[in-house]
Protein backbone atom coordinates (compact mmCIF):
# COMPACT_ATOMS: atom_id res chain seq x y z
CA UNK A 1 92.10 85.74 103.25
CA UNK A 2 91.11 89.31 102.50
CA UNK A 3 93.38 91.23 100.15
CA UNK A 4 94.14 93.89 102.75
CA UNK A 5 95.09 91.25 105.33
CA UNK A 6 97.38 89.54 102.83
CA UNK A 7 99.13 92.82 101.99
CA UNK A 8 99.60 93.54 105.71
CA UNK A 9 100.90 90.01 106.29
CA UNK A 10 103.52 90.60 103.60
CA UNK A 11 104.44 93.89 105.33
CA UNK A 12 103.72 95.85 102.17
CA UNK A 13 101.69 98.93 101.38
CA UNK A 14 98.76 99.03 99.00
CA UNK A 15 100.95 101.07 96.66
CA UNK A 16 103.72 98.44 96.69
CA UNK A 17 101.21 95.69 95.96
CA UNK A 18 99.72 97.73 93.11
CA UNK A 19 103.18 98.25 91.61
CA UNK A 20 104.00 94.54 91.83
CA UNK A 21 100.80 93.72 89.98
CA UNK A 22 101.30 96.52 87.44
CA UNK A 23 98.14 98.39 88.45
CA UNK A 24 97.49 101.89 89.70
CA UNK A 25 97.09 102.67 93.38
CA UNK A 26 93.46 103.75 93.12
CA UNK A 27 92.32 100.43 91.60
CA UNK A 28 94.10 98.49 94.34
CA UNK A 29 92.71 100.76 97.06
CA UNK A 30 89.18 100.12 95.81
CA UNK A 31 89.74 96.36 95.79
CA UNK A 32 91.12 96.49 99.34
CA UNK A 33 88.24 98.63 100.57
CA UNK A 34 85.67 96.30 99.03
CA UNK A 35 84.27 99.08 96.85
CA UNK A 36 84.96 97.16 93.64
CA UNK A 37 85.28 93.46 92.89
CA UNK A 38 88.12 92.79 90.44
CA UNK A 39 87.34 91.56 86.94
CA UNK A 40 88.05 87.86 86.36
CA UNK A 41 91.45 88.49 84.75
CA UNK A 42 92.57 90.64 87.66
CA UNK A 43 91.09 88.22 90.16
CA UNK A 44 93.20 85.45 88.64
CA UNK A 45 96.31 87.62 88.86
CA UNK A 46 95.64 88.40 92.54
CA UNK A 47 95.22 84.69 93.29
CA UNK A 48 98.47 83.86 91.49
CA UNK A 49 100.35 86.78 93.10
CA UNK A 50 99.20 85.77 96.59
CA UNK A 51 100.09 82.13 96.08
CA UNK A 52 96.43 81.17 96.35
CA UNK A 53 95.90 82.87 99.72
CA UNK A 54 93.46 85.43 98.25
CA UNK A 55 90.72 83.95 96.07
CA UNK A 56 87.52 85.12 94.41
CA UNK A 57 85.56 83.73 97.36
CA UNK A 58 87.31 86.20 99.64
CA UNK A 59 85.84 89.13 97.70
CA UNK A 60 82.35 87.67 98.01
CA UNK A 61 82.69 86.62 101.65
CA UNK A 62 82.22 82.92 100.83
CA UNK A 63 83.84 80.07 102.71
CA UNK A 64 85.81 77.54 100.67
């Protein structure tokens, strides 16, 4: 699932998600917009935070 879709599903804003992960809004906005692919450590944190619903494959458009 795309990060933006997951955030919407949780009825949160990008800013709320960024705060929960301890990141700034601009980094999260870039991840959601697909402008930047998170580094491996951040990718792992996103996967953990989303309960496995958002994975590295989702940033690369790969099917699992």
